[in-house]
Amino acid sequence: MSDYVKIVEVGPRDGLQNEKQALSIEQRLSFINDLIDAGLKSIEVGSCVSAKWVPQMAQSDELFKLLPQRNDLNLSLLTPNLKGFEAAQAVGCKEVAVFTAASESFTRKNINCSIDESLERFSEIFQAAQANNVRVRGYVSCIVDCPYEGAIDPKQVVNVVKRLHDMGCYEISLGETIGTATPDRVQKVWQACLAELDSKILAGHFHNTYGMAIANIYQSLQQGIRVFDSSLAGLGGCPYAKGSSGNVATEDLYYLLSHIGYETGINLEKLMLASQNINQILNRKNLSNYANTYLQQSCA
C-alpha cells in the first residue's frame, strides 16, 4: 500500500483572506462543501478575527456551525487570541490554529509584537485548549527568507518550532512565506528541525511566487515530511511579498503526489469541479498548471 500524505486545505482561510473579493457565507459554505465532496478531510474553515481588519473572514464561527460535523473530518479555525478561541469553542470547533514567525521583523509588521510576545499571547489559548480537549496547530512564517531582513537562520526556525511544540501544538506548519526558497535551502531547514524534532509533528506550507513550490515539496518528501498545506486553484498569496502568486495549488500538489505513488484520498473529477466553481465565483484565473491543462484536455 502506498504512503499516505495528509493535505491540509487552507483555501477557505489563507486563500480567501488574501483575495480582494469578500464572499458571502453561502458562497464560502458551497466552496467548503465542494472540498469535502472532493475527499479533502483536513480543512481550515476560516479565522476568528475582527471583520474590521479581515472582512473576508467575517462570521467564520457562524460558517463553522453550518458545516457537516463528521468524525472523519478535521475542520479548524485560526484563533489569534483568547477571544477568537472562545468564539471557536462556542461553535464546537475541536481544532484551532495559532501563528507566529521565525523572523522578528515579520512578526512585528504582521502582528505588531515580538516573537516572544506572540508566544506569550498564546499561553491562554493553550491553557483553554487543554482544559476543553481542543487540539492546537501552529504556523511559523518565514522559515527561509523574510521580506524585511533577508535570510533566516535555520536555528531560529528550530527554536520557534520547539517552543510551540513544548507549549502544546500537536503539529507545526513551516511556512516558506514569500516563495523565494529553492530545494537546497529547504533541505537545510528540515535537517535542522529533524535533528531535534519528530517528522510526525511537522508540515510544509509553500508559496509559489517563483514557481518553486512543487520542487520544494518534493525535497520535503525526501526528508520524510508527510503533511502539506495547499490552497485550491492557488488562492491567496502573501500581502508582504511583491508579486506573490499565492499558495501552492492543491491540484498541482495532488498531481505530484499521485504520480509518484502517494495516496491522498482525493477524487480528481470532484476536485476539478470544485476548482472551476471557486474560480467562477471569484472571477479569477486559475493559478494551477494542472487544473488548466486538465480542463483543456477535457474540452478537446
Protein backbone atom coordinates (compact mmCIF):
# COMPACT_ATOMS: atom_id res chain seq x y z
CA MET A 1 0.00 0.00 0.00
CA SER A 2 1.26 3.47 -0.87
CA ASP A 3 2.32 6.01 1.70
CA TYR A 4 -0.44 8.42 2.71
CA VAL A 5 0.20 12.16 2.61
CA LYS A 6 -2.15 14.44 4.51
CA ILE A 7 -3.21 17.56 2.63
CA VAL A 8 -4.45 20.44 4.77
CA GLU A 9 -6.65 22.61 2.55
CA VAL A 10 -6.17 26.25 3.56
CA GLY A 11 -8.04 27.89 0.68
CA PRO A 12 -11.11 28.88 2.72
CA ARG A 13 -8.90 30.80 5.17
CA ASP A 14 -5.38 31.57 3.99
CA GLY A 15 -6.61 31.68 0.41
CA LEU A 16 -9.78 33.74 0.66
CA GLN A 17 -8.45 36.20 3.23
CA ASN A 18 -5.92 37.42 0.65
CA GLU A 19 -8.43 37.68 -2.20
CA LYS A 20 -9.84 41.16 -2.78
CA GLN A 21 -13.42 39.94 -3.09
CA ALA A 22 -15.21 39.02 0.15
CA LEU A 23 -17.57 36.09 -0.34
CA SER A 24 -20.89 35.58 1.40
CA ILE A 25 -21.30 32.86 4.00
CA GLU A 26 -23.36 30.91 1.45
CA GLN A 27 -20.56 31.08 -1.12
CA ARG A 28 -17.93 30.07 1.41
CA LEU A 29 -20.14 27.20 2.58
CA SER A 30 -20.54 25.98 -1.00
CA PHE A 31 -16.77 26.16 -1.50
CA ILE A 32 -16.02 24.10 1.61
CA ASN A 33 -18.71 21.53 0.79
CA ASP A 34 -17.14 21.14 -2.65
CA LEU A 35 -13.79 20.47 -0.98
CA ILE A 36 -15.35 17.87 1.30
CA ASP A 37 -17.04 16.19 -1.69
CA ALA A 38 -13.63 16.02 -3.37
CA GLY A 39 -12.29 13.96 -0.47
CA LEU A 40 -10.36 16.58 1.48
CA LYS A 41 -10.56 15.74 5.18
CA SER A 42 -8.48 18.49 6.83
CA ILE A 43 -9.80 21.97 6.02
CA GLU A 44 -9.09 25.34 7.60
CA VAL A 45 -12.55 26.87 7.55
CA GLY A 46 -11.79 30.48 8.48
CA SER A 47 -10.39 32.83 11.05
CA CYS A 48 -11.96 34.18 14.24
CA VAL A 49 -10.68 37.73 13.84
CA SER A 50 -12.32 41.13 13.70
CA ALA A 51 -14.27 41.68 10.49
CA LYS A 52 -12.98 45.25 10.62
CA TRP A 53 -9.45 44.03 9.93
CA VAL A 54 -10.18 40.97 7.77
CA PRO A 55 -13.64 41.38 6.19
CA GLN A 56 -13.13 38.24 4.08
CA MET A 57 -13.21 36.18 7.29
CA ALA A 58 -16.35 37.74 8.80
CA GLN A 59 -18.62 35.30 10.67
CA SER A 60 -16.25 32.35 10.36
CA ASP A 61 -17.74 30.92 13.56
CA GLU A 62 -21.24 31.12 12.07
CA LEU A 63 -19.95 29.41 8.93
CA PHE A 64 -18.45 26.62 11.03
CA LYS A 65 -21.87 25.84 12.54
CA LEU A 66 -23.31 25.20 9.07
CA LEU A 67 -20.73 22.58 8.10
CA PRO A 68 -21.17 18.82 8.49
CA GLN A 69 -19.76 17.59 11.79
CA ARG A 70 -18.38 14.17 10.86
CA ASN A 71 -15.83 12.04 12.66
CA ASP A 72 -13.74 11.70 9.51
CA LEU A 73 -13.44 15.47 9.03
CA ASN A 74 -10.93 17.76 10.72
CA LEU A 75 -12.31 21.30 10.40
CA SER A 76 -10.29 24.06 12.05
CA LEU A 77 -10.35 27.80 12.74
CA LEU A 78 -7.47 30.23 13.12
CA THR A 79 -7.63 31.92 16.54
CA PRO A 80 -5.02 34.64 17.12
CA ASN A 81 -6.20 35.41 20.66
CA LEU A 82 -8.34 34.10 23.51
CA LYS A 83 -11.43 35.93 22.25
CA GLY A 84 -11.08 34.12 18.95
CA PHE A 85 -10.57 30.80 20.72
CA GLU A 86 -13.73 31.33 22.76
CA ALA A 87 -15.70 32.07 19.59
CA ALA A 88 -14.38 28.86 18.02
CA GLN A 89 -15.13 26.81 21.11
CA ALA A 90 -18.67 28.18 21.27
CA VAL A 91 -19.49 26.56 17.91
CA GLY A 92 -17.90 23.23 18.79
CA CYS A 93 -14.59 23.60 16.96
CA LYS A 94 -12.14 20.92 18.10
CA GLU A 95 -9.01 22.26 16.39
CA VAL A 96 -7.66 25.80 16.33
CA ALA A 97 -4.51 27.31 14.87
CA VAL A 98 -2.09 29.98 16.10
CA PHE A 99 0.59 31.75 14.10
CA THR A 100 3.94 33.40 14.59
CA ALA A 101 7.15 33.67 12.54
CA ALA A 102 10.83 32.84 12.62
CA SER A 103 11.56 36.49 11.79
CA GLU A 104 11.36 39.26 14.38
CA SER A 105 10.77 41.90 11.69
CA PHE A 106 7.93 39.96 10.05
CA THR A 107 6.26 39.27 13.39
CA ARG A 108 6.33 42.97 14.30
CA LYS A 109 4.98 44.03 10.90
CA ASN A 110 2.34 41.32 10.76
CA ILE A 111 1.00 41.10 14.33
CA ASN A 112 2.70 44.10 15.97
CA CYS A 113 4.76 42.26 18.56
CA SER A 114 7.97 40.30 19.01
CA ILE A 115 8.23 36.53 18.63
CA ASP A 116 8.43 36.16 22.42
CA GLU A 117 5.35 38.36 22.87
CA SER A 118 3.41 36.40 20.25
CA LEU A 119 4.12 33.15 22.08
CA GLU A 120 3.17 34.70 25.41
CA ARG A 121 -0.18 35.72 23.92
CA PHE A 122 -0.85 32.10 23.06
CA SER A 123 -0.41 30.81 26.62
CA GLU A 124 -4.07 31.50 27.48
CA ILE A 125 -5.19 29.70 24.33
CA PHE A 126 -3.11 26.63 25.14
CA GLN A 127 -4.46 26.52 28.70
CA ALA A 128 -8.05 26.81 27.49
CA ALA A 129 -7.47 24.29 24.72
CA GLN A 130 -6.05 21.71 27.12
CA ALA A 131 -8.96 22.22 29.52
CA ASN A 132 -11.50 21.75 26.73
CA ASN A 133 -9.82 18.94 24.76
CA VAL A 134 -9.14 21.14 21.72
CA ARG A 135 -6.12 20.49 19.51
CA VAL A 136 -3.81 23.37 18.58
CA ARG A 137 -1.90 23.58 15.31
CA GLY A 138 0.91 26.09 14.90
CA TYR A 139 2.11 28.14 11.95
CA VAL A 140 5.63 29.52 11.64
CA SER A 141 6.12 32.00 8.80
CA CYS A 142 9.36 33.00 7.03
CA ILE A 143 11.28 29.76 7.55
CA VAL A 144 13.79 30.58 4.79
CA ASP A 145 13.58 34.28 3.92
CA CYS A 146 11.92 37.37 5.36
CA PRO A 147 10.86 40.30 3.13
CA TYR A 148 12.38 42.70 5.68
CA GLU A 149 15.54 41.04 6.98
CA GLY A 150 16.51 38.52 4.31
CA ALA A 151 17.78 35.02 5.05
CA ILE A 152 16.64 33.35 8.28
CA ASP A 153 18.98 31.10 10.26
CA PRO A 154 17.52 27.55 10.43
CA LYS A 155 18.44 27.52 14.14
CA GLN A 156 15.92 30.31 14.69
CA VAL A 157 13.25 28.21 12.97
CA VAL A 158 14.05 25.24 15.20
CA ASN A 159 13.85 27.43 18.30
CA VAL A 160 10.36 28.72 17.48
CA VAL A 161 9.06 25.31 16.42
CA LYS A 162 10.33 23.67 19.62
CA ARG A 163 8.71 26.33 21.75
CA LEU A 164 5.36 25.87 20.01
CA HIS A 165 5.59 22.11 20.44
CA ASP A 166 6.51 22.47 24.12
CA MET A 167 3.50 24.75 24.60
CA GLY A 168 1.19 22.09 23.21
CA CYS A 169 1.00 22.21 19.40
CA TYR A 170 0.37 18.73 18.05
CA GLU A 171 1.50 19.82 14.57
CA ILE A 172 3.50 22.80 13.32
CA SER A 173 3.30 24.05 9.74
CA LEU A 174 6.51 25.65 8.49
CA GLY A 175 5.74 28.42 6.01
CA GLU A 176 8.00 29.38 3.11
CA THR A 177 6.05 32.60 3.07
CA ILE A 178 7.44 34.66 0.21
CA GLY A 179 8.28 31.85 -2.18
CA THR A 180 11.97 32.66 -2.68
CA ALA A 181 13.40 29.36 -1.43
CA THR A 182 15.00 26.66 -3.52
CA PRO A 183 15.18 22.95 -2.57
CA ASP A 184 18.73 23.13 -1.21
CA ARG A 185 17.76 25.80 1.29
CA VAL A 186 14.54 24.00 2.23
CA GLN A 187 16.57 20.85 2.86
CA LYS A 188 18.75 22.72 5.38
CA VAL A 189 15.71 23.87 7.33
CA TRP A 190 14.24 20.36 7.52
CA GLN A 191 17.58 18.85 8.51
CA ALA A 192 17.94 21.36 11.34
CA CYS A 193 14.41 20.65 12.57
CA LEU A 194 14.64 16.88 12.21
CA ALA A 195 17.82 16.82 14.26
CA GLU A 196 15.70 17.77 17.28
CA LEU A 197 12.06 17.05 16.36
CA ASP A 198 10.00 14.12 15.05
CA SER A 199 8.85 14.45 11.44
CA LYS A 200 5.32 13.47 12.53
CA ILE A 201 4.75 16.89 14.10
CA LEU A 202 5.99 18.85 11.08
CA ALA A 203 4.13 20.12 8.00
CA GLY A 204 5.16 22.16 4.97
CA HIS A 205 3.47 25.32 3.70
CA PHE A 206 4.89 26.60 0.42
CA HIS A 207 4.16 29.61 -1.75
CA ASN A 208 4.70 29.58 -5.50
CA THR A 209 5.89 33.13 -6.16
CA TYR A 210 8.91 31.96 -8.17
CA GLY A 211 7.46 28.63 -9.29
CA MET A 212 9.46 26.63 -6.74
CA ALA A 213 6.66 25.27 -4.52
CA ILE A 214 6.38 21.81 -6.08
CA ALA A 215 10.16 21.39 -6.21
CA ASN A 216 10.37 22.39 -2.55
CA ILE A 217 7.61 19.95 -1.63
CA TYR A 218 9.42 17.15 -3.46
CA GLN A 219 12.54 17.95 -1.44
CA SER A 220 10.42 17.91 1.74
CA LEU A 221 9.07 14.47 0.87
CA GLN A 222 12.64 13.23 0.55
CA GLN A 223 13.24 14.48 4.11
CA GLY A 224 10.28 12.46 5.43
CA ILE A 225 7.61 15.19 5.66
CA ARG A 226 4.11 13.79 5.06
CA VAL A 227 1.80 16.74 5.73
CA PHE A 228 1.42 19.73 3.39
CA ASP A 229 -0.83 22.78 3.29
CA SER A 230 -2.26 23.82 -0.06
CA SER A 231 -4.93 26.08 -1.49
CA LEU A 232 -7.34 25.13 -4.26
CA ALA A 233 -6.54 26.97 -7.53
CA GLY A 234 -3.60 28.65 -5.78
CA LEU A 235 -5.92 31.04 -3.95
CA GLY A 236 -4.38 33.79 -1.88
CA GLY A 237 -0.84 35.00 -1.55
CA CYS A 238 1.28 36.92 0.88
CA PRO A 239 0.49 40.66 1.11
CA TYR A 240 4.09 41.27 2.20
CA ALA A 241 5.66 39.59 -0.85
CA LYS A 242 5.65 41.64 -4.04
CA GLY A 243 4.16 39.70 -6.92
CA SER A 244 3.28 36.70 -4.78
CA SER A 245 1.22 34.23 -6.77
CA GLY A 246 -0.29 32.52 -3.80
CA ASN A 247 -0.12 29.21 -2.02
CA VAL A 248 0.78 26.06 -3.88
CA ALA A 249 -2.33 24.84 -5.70
CA THR A 250 -4.00 21.74 -4.28
CA GLU A 251 -4.43 20.42 -7.82
CA ASP A 252 -0.68 20.66 -8.51
CA LEU A 253 0.14 19.04 -5.17
CA TYR A 254 -2.29 16.21 -5.99
CA TYR A 255 -0.65 15.72 -9.39
CA LEU A 256 2.80 15.38 -7.83
CA LEU A 257 1.73 13.05 -5.04
CA SER A 258 -0.49 10.79 -7.13
CA HIS A 259 2.13 10.34 -9.85
CA ILE A 260 4.94 9.35 -7.50
CA GLY A 261 2.88 6.81 -5.57
CA TYR A 262 1.35 8.61 -2.59
CA GLU A 263 -2.27 8.25 -1.50
CA THR A 264 -4.28 11.39 -0.78
CA GLY A 265 -7.92 10.25 -0.68
CA ILE A 266 -8.83 12.86 -3.30
CA ASN A 267 -11.39 12.33 -6.08
CA LEU A 268 -9.85 14.03 -9.11
CA GLU A 269 -13.05 14.85 -11.02
CA LYS A 270 -14.68 16.40 -7.96
CA LEU A 271 -11.50 18.31 -7.15
CA MET A 272 -11.52 19.84 -10.63
CA LEU A 273 -15.21 20.71 -10.30
CA ALA A 274 -14.51 22.46 -7.00
CA SER A 275 -11.63 24.30 -8.68
CA GLN A 276 -13.81 25.52 -11.55
CA ASN A 277 -16.60 26.58 -9.18
CA ILE A 278 -14.46 28.77 -6.91
CA ASN A 279 -12.76 30.47 -9.84
CA GLN A 280 -16.13 31.29 -11.36
CA ILE A 281 -17.34 32.75 -8.08
CA LEU A 282 -14.22 34.91 -7.74
CA ASN A 283 -13.99 35.66 -11.47
CA ARG A 284 -10.29 34.95 -11.37
CA LYS A 285 -7.70 33.00 -13.32
CA ASN A 286 -6.90 29.53 -12.04
CA LEU A 287 -3.27 29.50 -10.92
CA SER A 288 -2.97 25.71 -11.03
CA ASN A 289 -0.98 24.46 -14.00
CA TYR A 290 -2.51 21.00 -13.70
CA ALA A 291 -6.09 22.25 -13.47
CA ASN A 292 -5.70 24.41 -16.58
CA THR A 293 -4.16 21.55 -18.57
CA TYR A 294 -6.79 19.08 -17.34
CA LEU A 295 -9.59 21.43 -18.39
CA GLN A 296 -8.08 21.98 -21.84
CA GLN A 297 -7.71 18.25 -22.41
CA SER A 298 -11.25 17.60 -21.20
CA CYS A 299 -12.61 20.13 -23.69
CA ALA A 300 -10.50 18.87 -26.60
